[in-house]
C-alpha atoms as a PDB file:
ATOM      1  CA  MET A   1       3.924 -21.987  12.470  1.00  0.00           C
ATOM      2  CA  VAL A   2       6.795 -19.984  10.981  1.00  0.00           C
ATOM      3  CA  ASN A   3       6.004 -16.318  10.441  1.00  0.00           C
ATOM      4  CA  ILE A   4       6.719 -14.665   7.122  1.00  0.00           C
ATOM      5  CA  SER A   5       9.821 -12.802   8.379  1.00  0.00           C
ATOM      6  CA  GLU A   6      11.476 -16.079   9.353  1.00  0.00           C
ATOM      7  CA  TYR A   7      10.365 -17.685   6.103  1.00  0.00           C
ATOM      8  CA  ILE A   8      11.892 -14.826   4.081  1.00  0.00           C
ATOM      9  CA  GLN A   9      15.168 -15.010   6.036  1.00  0.00           C
ATOM     10  CA  LYS A  10      15.452 -18.741   5.315  1.00  0.00           C
ATOM     11  CA  ALA A  11      14.684 -18.237   1.623  1.00  0.00           C
ATOM     12  CA  VAL A  12      17.276 -15.427   1.418  1.00  0.00           C
ATOM     13  CA  GLY A  13      19.911 -17.585   3.100  1.00  0.00           C
ATOM     14  CA  ALA A  14      19.260 -20.475   0.746  1.00  0.00           C
ATOM     15  CA  ALA A  15      19.271 -18.313  -2.393  1.00  0.00           C
ATOM     16  CA  ALA A  16      22.362 -16.332  -1.423  1.00  0.00           C
ATOM     17  CA  GLY A  17      24.328 -19.489  -0.672  1.00  0.00           C
ATOM     18  CA  ASN A  18      25.331 -19.693  -4.331  1.00  0.00           C
ATOM     19  CA  VAL A  19      26.678 -16.122  -4.461  1.00  0.00           C
ATOM     20  CA  ASN A  20      30.167 -15.300  -3.225  1.00  0.00           C
ATOM     21  CA  ILE A  21      29.324 -12.345  -0.955  1.00  0.00           C
ATOM     22  CA  PRO A  22      32.338 -10.735   0.754  1.00  0.00           C
ATOM     23  CA  SER A  23      32.310 -11.690   4.439  1.00  0.00           C
ATOM     24  CA  ASN A  24      32.638  -8.070   5.604  1.00  0.00           C
ATOM     25  CA  VAL A  25      29.241  -7.161   4.077  1.00  0.00           C
ATOM     26  CA  LYS A  26      27.446 -10.524   4.068  1.00  0.00           C
ATOM     27  CA  ASP A  27      25.209  -9.751   7.062  1.00  0.00           C
ATOM     28  CA  GLN A  28      24.271  -6.367   5.580  1.00  0.00           C
ATOM     29  CA  VAL A  29      23.434  -7.922   2.221  1.00  0.00           C
ATOM     30  CA  LEU A  30      21.379 -10.800   3.625  1.00  0.00           C
ATOM     31  CA  GLY A  31      19.582  -8.523   6.076  1.00  0.00           C
ATOM     32  CA  GLY A  32      19.027  -6.005   3.305  1.00  0.00           C
ATOM     33  CA  LEU A  33      17.487  -8.611   1.013  1.00  0.00           C
ATOM     34  CA  SER A  34      15.131  -9.754   3.781  1.00  0.00           C
ATOM     35  CA  ASP A  35      14.245  -6.207   4.813  1.00  0.00           C
ATOM     36  CA  SER A  36      13.627  -5.149   1.208  1.00  0.00           C
ATOM     37  CA  ILE A  37      11.257  -8.036   0.529  1.00  0.00           C
ATOM     38  CA  LEU A  38       9.381  -7.551   3.789  1.00  0.00           C
ATOM     39  CA  GLY A  39       9.352  -3.777   3.209  1.00  0.00           C
ATOM     40  CA  SER A  40       7.853  -4.274  -0.223  1.00  0.00           C
ATOM     41  CA  LEU A  41       5.121  -6.489   1.204  1.00  0.00           C
ATOM     42  CA  THR A  42       4.483  -3.992   4.003  1.00  0.00           C
ATOM     43  CA  LYS A  43       4.211  -1.020   1.647  1.00  0.00           C
ATOM     44  CA  THR A  44       1.956  -2.992  -0.662  1.00  0.00           C
ATOM     45  CA  ALA A  45      -0.301  -4.031   2.238  1.00  0.00           C
ATOM     46  CA  ALA A  46      -0.829  -0.377   3.113  1.00  0.00           C
ATOM     47  CA  GLN A  47      -2.010   0.522  -0.413  1.00  0.00           C
ATOM     48  CA  ALA A  48      -5.512   0.209  -1.800  1.00  0.00           C
ATOM     49  CA  GLY A  49      -5.824  -3.268  -3.310  1.00  0.00           C
ATOM     50  CA  GLY A  50      -2.509  -4.267  -1.783  1.00  0.00           C
ATOM     51  CA  LEU A  51      -3.810  -7.199   0.200  1.00  0.00           C
ATOM     52  CA  ASP A  52      -5.253  -8.704  -2.974  1.00  0.00           C
ATOM     53  CA  GLN A  53      -1.860  -8.298  -4.702  1.00  0.00           C
ATOM     54  CA  ILE A  54      -0.159 -10.009  -1.761  1.00  0.00           C
ATOM     55  CA  LYS A  55      -2.771 -12.775  -1.708  1.00  0.00           C
ATOM     56  CA  ASP A  56      -2.293 -13.410  -5.434  1.00  0.00           C
ATOM     57  CA  LEU A  57       1.488 -13.464  -5.050  1.00  0.00           C
ATOM     58  CA  LEU A  58       1.632 -15.617  -1.937  1.00  0.00           C
ATOM     59  CA  THR A  59      -0.945 -18.113  -3.179  1.00  0.00           C
ATOM     60  CA  GLY A  60       0.848 -18.514  -6.505  1.00  0.00           C
ATOM     61  CA  LYS A  61      -1.775 -16.811  -8.683  1.00  0.00           C
ATOM     62  CA  ALA A  62       0.658 -14.011  -9.656  1.00  0.00           C
ATOM     63  CA  ASP A  63       4.066 -14.506 -11.275  1.00  0.00           C
ATOM     64  CA  ALA A  64       6.764 -13.309  -8.875  1.00  0.00           C
ATOM     65  CA  ALA A  65       9.046 -12.248 -11.730  1.00  0.00           C
ATOM     66  CA  LYS A  66       6.382  -9.875 -13.113  1.00  0.00           C
ATOM     67  CA  SER A  67       4.990  -8.638  -9.800  1.00  0.00           C
ATOM     68  CA  ASP A  68       5.028  -4.996  -8.729  1.00  0.00           C
ATOM     69  CA  ILE A  69       5.889  -6.300  -5.252  1.00  0.00           C
ATOM     70  CA  THR A  70       9.063  -7.879  -6.638  1.00  0.00           C
ATOM     71  CA  ALA A  71       9.972  -4.713  -8.534  1.00  0.00           C
ATOM     72  CA  LEU A  72       9.503  -2.632  -5.375  1.00  0.00           C
ATOM     73  CA  ALA A  73      11.673  -5.057  -3.380  1.00  0.00           C
ATOM     74  CA  GLY A  74      14.416  -4.664  -5.993  1.00  0.00           C
ATOM     75  CA  ASP A  75      14.144  -0.876  -5.859  1.00  0.00           C
ATOM     76  CA  LEU A  76      14.328  -0.884  -2.056  1.00  0.00           C
ATOM     77  CA  PHE A  77      17.338  -3.213  -2.107  1.00  0.00           C
ATOM     78  CA  ASN A  78      19.147  -1.096  -4.702  1.00  0.00           C
ATOM     79  CA  LYS A  79      18.461   2.134  -2.828  1.00  0.00           C
ATOM     80  CA  ASN A  80      18.942   1.024   0.769  1.00  0.00           C
ATOM     81  CA  VAL A  81      21.687  -1.590   0.436  1.00  0.00           C
ATOM     82  CA  LEU A  82      23.480  -1.633  -2.885  1.00  0.00           C
ATOM     83  CA  GLY A  83      23.541   2.161  -3.043  1.00  0.00           C
ATOM     84  CA  LYS A  84      25.593   2.172   0.161  1.00  0.00           C
ATOM     85  CA  LEU A  85      27.929  -0.731  -0.628  1.00  0.00           C
ATOM     86  CA  ASN A  86      30.479  -0.875  -3.423  1.00  0.00           C
ATOM     87  CA  LEU A  87      29.850  -4.387  -4.747  1.00  0.00           C
ATOM     88  CA  GLY A  88      30.495  -3.713  -8.428  1.00  0.00           C
ATOM     89  CA  SER A  89      29.623  -6.637 -10.678  1.00  0.00           C
ATOM     90  CA  LEU A  90      28.106  -8.570  -7.768  1.00  0.00           C
ATOM     91  CA  ALA A  91      25.167  -6.128  -7.477  1.00  0.00           C
ATOM     92  CA  PRO A  92      23.128  -7.484 -10.450  1.00  0.00           C
ATOM     93  CA  ALA A  93      23.547 -11.061  -9.200  1.00  0.00           C
ATOM     94  CA  LEU A  94      22.236 -10.071  -5.781  1.00  0.00           C
ATOM     95  CA  THR A  95      19.294  -8.103  -7.170  1.00  0.00           C
ATOM     96  CA  GLY A  96      18.588 -11.044  -9.475  1.00  0.00           C
ATOM     97  CA  LEU A  97      17.945 -13.240  -6.430  1.00  0.00           C
ATOM     98  CA  ILE A  98      14.829 -11.292  -5.437  1.00  0.00           C
ATOM     99  CA  PRO A  99      12.321 -12.798  -7.931  1.00  0.00           C
ATOM    100  CA  GLY A 100      13.404 -16.315  -6.974  1.00  0.00           C
ATOM    101  CA  ILE A 101      13.151 -15.594  -3.267  1.00  0.00           C
ATOM    102  CA  ILE A 102       9.704 -14.069  -3.658  1.00  0.00           C
ATOM    103  CA  GLY A 103       8.728 -17.005  -5.870  1.00  0.00           C
ATOM    104  CA  LYS A 104       9.568 -19.335  -2.964  1.00  0.00           C
ATOM    105  CA  LEU A 105       6.948 -17.487  -0.916  1.00  0.00           C
ATOM    106  CA  SER A 106       4.270 -18.807  -3.280  1.00  0.00           C
ATOM    107  CA  GLY A 107       2.063 -21.112  -1.289  1.00  0.00           C
ATOM    108  CA  PHE A 108       2.974 -19.477   2.027  1.00  0.00           C
ATOM    109  CA  ILE A 109      -0.627 -18.440   2.528  1.00  0.00           C
ATOM    110  CA  LYS A 110      -3.071 -21.309   2.637  1.00  0.00           C
ATOM    111  CA  ASP A 111      -6.545 -21.833   4.017  1.00  0.00           C
ATOM    112  CA  GLN A 112      -5.796 -21.454   7.723  1.00  0.00           C
ATOM    113  CA  ASP A 113      -9.315 -21.200   9.096  1.00  0.00           C
ATOM    114  CA  GLY A 114     -10.769 -24.225   7.307  1.00  0.00           C
ATOM    115  CA  ASP A 115     -13.485 -22.379   5.393  1.00  0.00           C
ATOM    116  CA  GLY A 116     -12.307 -23.718   2.024  1.00  0.00           C
ATOM    117  CA  ASP A 117     -10.841 -20.532   0.557  1.00  0.00           C
ATOM    118  CA  VAL A 118      -8.003 -18.074   1.076  1.00  0.00           C
ATOM    119  CA  ASP A 119      -9.370 -14.807   2.396  1.00  0.00           C
ATOM    120  CA  ILE A 120      -8.278 -11.862   4.552  1.00  0.00           C
ATOM    121  CA  ASN A 121      -8.569 -13.967   7.697  1.00  0.00           C
ATOM    122  CA  ASP A 122      -6.166 -16.545   6.242  1.00  0.00           C
ATOM    123  CA  ILE A 123      -3.714 -13.812   5.283  1.00  0.00           C
ATOM    124  CA  LEU A 124      -3.732 -12.458   8.828  1.00  0.00           C
ATOM    125  CA  LEU A 125      -3.398 -15.926  10.351  1.00  0.00           C
ATOM    126  CA  SER A 126      -0.529 -16.776   7.990  1.00  0.00           C
ATOM    127  CA  LEU A 127       1.319 -13.566   8.751  1.00  0.00           C
ATOM    128  CA  LYS A 128       0.840 -13.807  12.516  1.00  0.00           C
ATOM    129  CA  GLY A 129       3.963 -14.109  14.603  1.00  0.00           C
ATOM    130  CA  GLY A 130       6.470 -11.966  16.417  1.00  0.00           C
ATOM    131  CA  SER A 131       5.337  -8.597  17.702  1.00  0.00           C
ATOM    132  CA  GLY A 132       2.656  -7.951  15.111  1.00  0.00           C
ATOM    133  CA  SER A 133       4.831  -5.421  13.362  1.00  0.00           C
ATOM    134  CA  GLY A 134       5.850  -5.406   9.740  1.00  0.00           C
ATOM    135  CA  LEU A 135       3.374  -6.791   7.251  1.00  0.00           C
ATOM    136  CA  LEU A 136       0.862  -7.944   9.849  1.00  0.00           C
ATOM    137  CA  GLY A 137       0.979  -4.536  11.560  1.00  0.00           C
ATOM    138  CA  ALA A 138       0.393  -2.762   8.259  1.00  0.00           C
ATOM    139  CA  ALA A 139      -2.479  -5.066   7.380  1.00  0.00           C
ATOM    140  CA  MET A 140      -4.052  -4.666  10.811  1.00  0.00           C
ATOM    141  CA  GLY A 141      -3.603  -0.885  10.665  1.00  0.00           C
ATOM    142  CA  MET A 142      -5.263  -0.739   7.279  1.00  0.00           C
ATOM    143  CA  LEU A 143      -8.123  -2.970   8.406  1.00  0.00           C
ATOM    144  CA  GLY A 144      -8.538  -0.903  11.559  1.00  0.00           C
ATOM    145  CA  GLY A 145      -8.771   2.240   9.434  1.00  0.00           C
ATOM    146  CA  LEU A 146     -11.334   0.662   7.136  1.00  0.00           C
ATOM    147  CA  LEU A 147     -13.401  -0.600  10.042  1.00  0.00           C
ATOM    148  CA  GLY A 148     -12.969   2.503  12.194  1.00  0.00           C
ATOM    149  CA  LYS A 149     -11.144   0.635  14.949  1.00  0.00           C
ATOM    150  CA  LYS A 150      -7.766   1.160  16.540  1.00  0.00           C
ATOM    151  CA  LYS A 151      -4.899  -1.337  16.177  1.00  0.00           C
END
């Protein structure tokens, strides 16, 4: 199964293929888009009610264009990437990719454990992969805090 970081990177690559990004900053821009989206999910997972917001977004119950997660990803991208690069009129086009990329994540989380619904266990199973850092690490840390256990 593909983890969410890989899924985001593929969605970013596909979406950015239609934008003429200067070759000298292309890797920074693509990496920045991916990092901003994953960072937004990670920060949301660490907040009260965040896992429900992520579940609604990634199961398609929430509109990506109107999501606080999408807005946060745009803010992170503007601050951490566009604020450091001089891309002029290209900046709005790049920021405008974020809702579409996040919209492609809809349906990423499905019933993984076969119990007939999407719950916290399915979220964790869907996000599993890599070193357990990022969104999964934040979710596990939050769950550990709620349950009084260490990561």
